[in-house]
Amino acid sequence: MVTTGLVAIDATILATAVPTIVKDLGGFASFPWLFSVYLLTQAVAVPIYSKLADTVGRKPIVLIGVGLFLLGSVLSGFAWSMPTLIAFRAIQGLGAGAVQPMAITIAGDIYTVEERAKAQGYIASVWALSSVVGPTLGGVFSQYVTWRWIFFVNVPLCLAAGWLLVRHLHERIERRRHAIDWTGGALLTVASTLLILGLLEGGNAWAWDAPQSIAAFGVGLLALVG
């Protein structure tokens, strides 16, 4: 639940702090990428992490995810411009791509069929609570402290989650070889990136019928189909 809380709070805490971040770093036209790049890297990483978890176990993958999330949070807290903050948010997304699905998978592994419904309810309650706590914390930090604490607050949570996982999560790993579709993962990354690029920049950086939009949507759809 702690690992789920990391991802859930981070998905909502940034929204109320955007005006302060833009005022400090600039880059108003680019701020939607703070959310999009996080979700993009999270989405494209999930299939790869899932295959790796079946090969090496859930615990190493979720620990890698917590580590990446911690790294991205620290770097985001020290970001000096909007492009660097966007890049560091991408690292956070890579970590979240391991943490969120592994939390649900681990719950399925350690609980019986009868207990899983209750466990899923607890996990869902974390998201419900975070939807209220996240924006509140974001507003408080940005107004009374500094927006950088929106990311630094993840540090003790990541350390606590890592300690709990190392100490209390024990799993019996059955080594199985799984073929990882790296080509499919690359195509999904390209497709998602180009489609989001076309949606975010179309009508802003260039016209919807401009060659850039046509190329972004066309190549993105081809990569998605491929």
Foldseek 3Di string as FASTA:
>chain_A
DLLLLLVLLLLAQCPLQVVLVCVQANDPLCVVLLNLLLQLLLVLLQLVLVQVCLAPNLLVQLLVLLVQLLQLLVQLLVDRHPVSNSVSSNSNSNSNSSRVVSVLVVLVVPDDPVCSVVVVVVSVVSNVVSNVVNNVVSNCCVPPNNNSVSSVVCNVSSVVVNVCSVPPPDDDHDHDDDDDPVLLSVLSSLLSVLVVCLVSPDVPVHDCPDPSNCVSNVSSVVSNVD
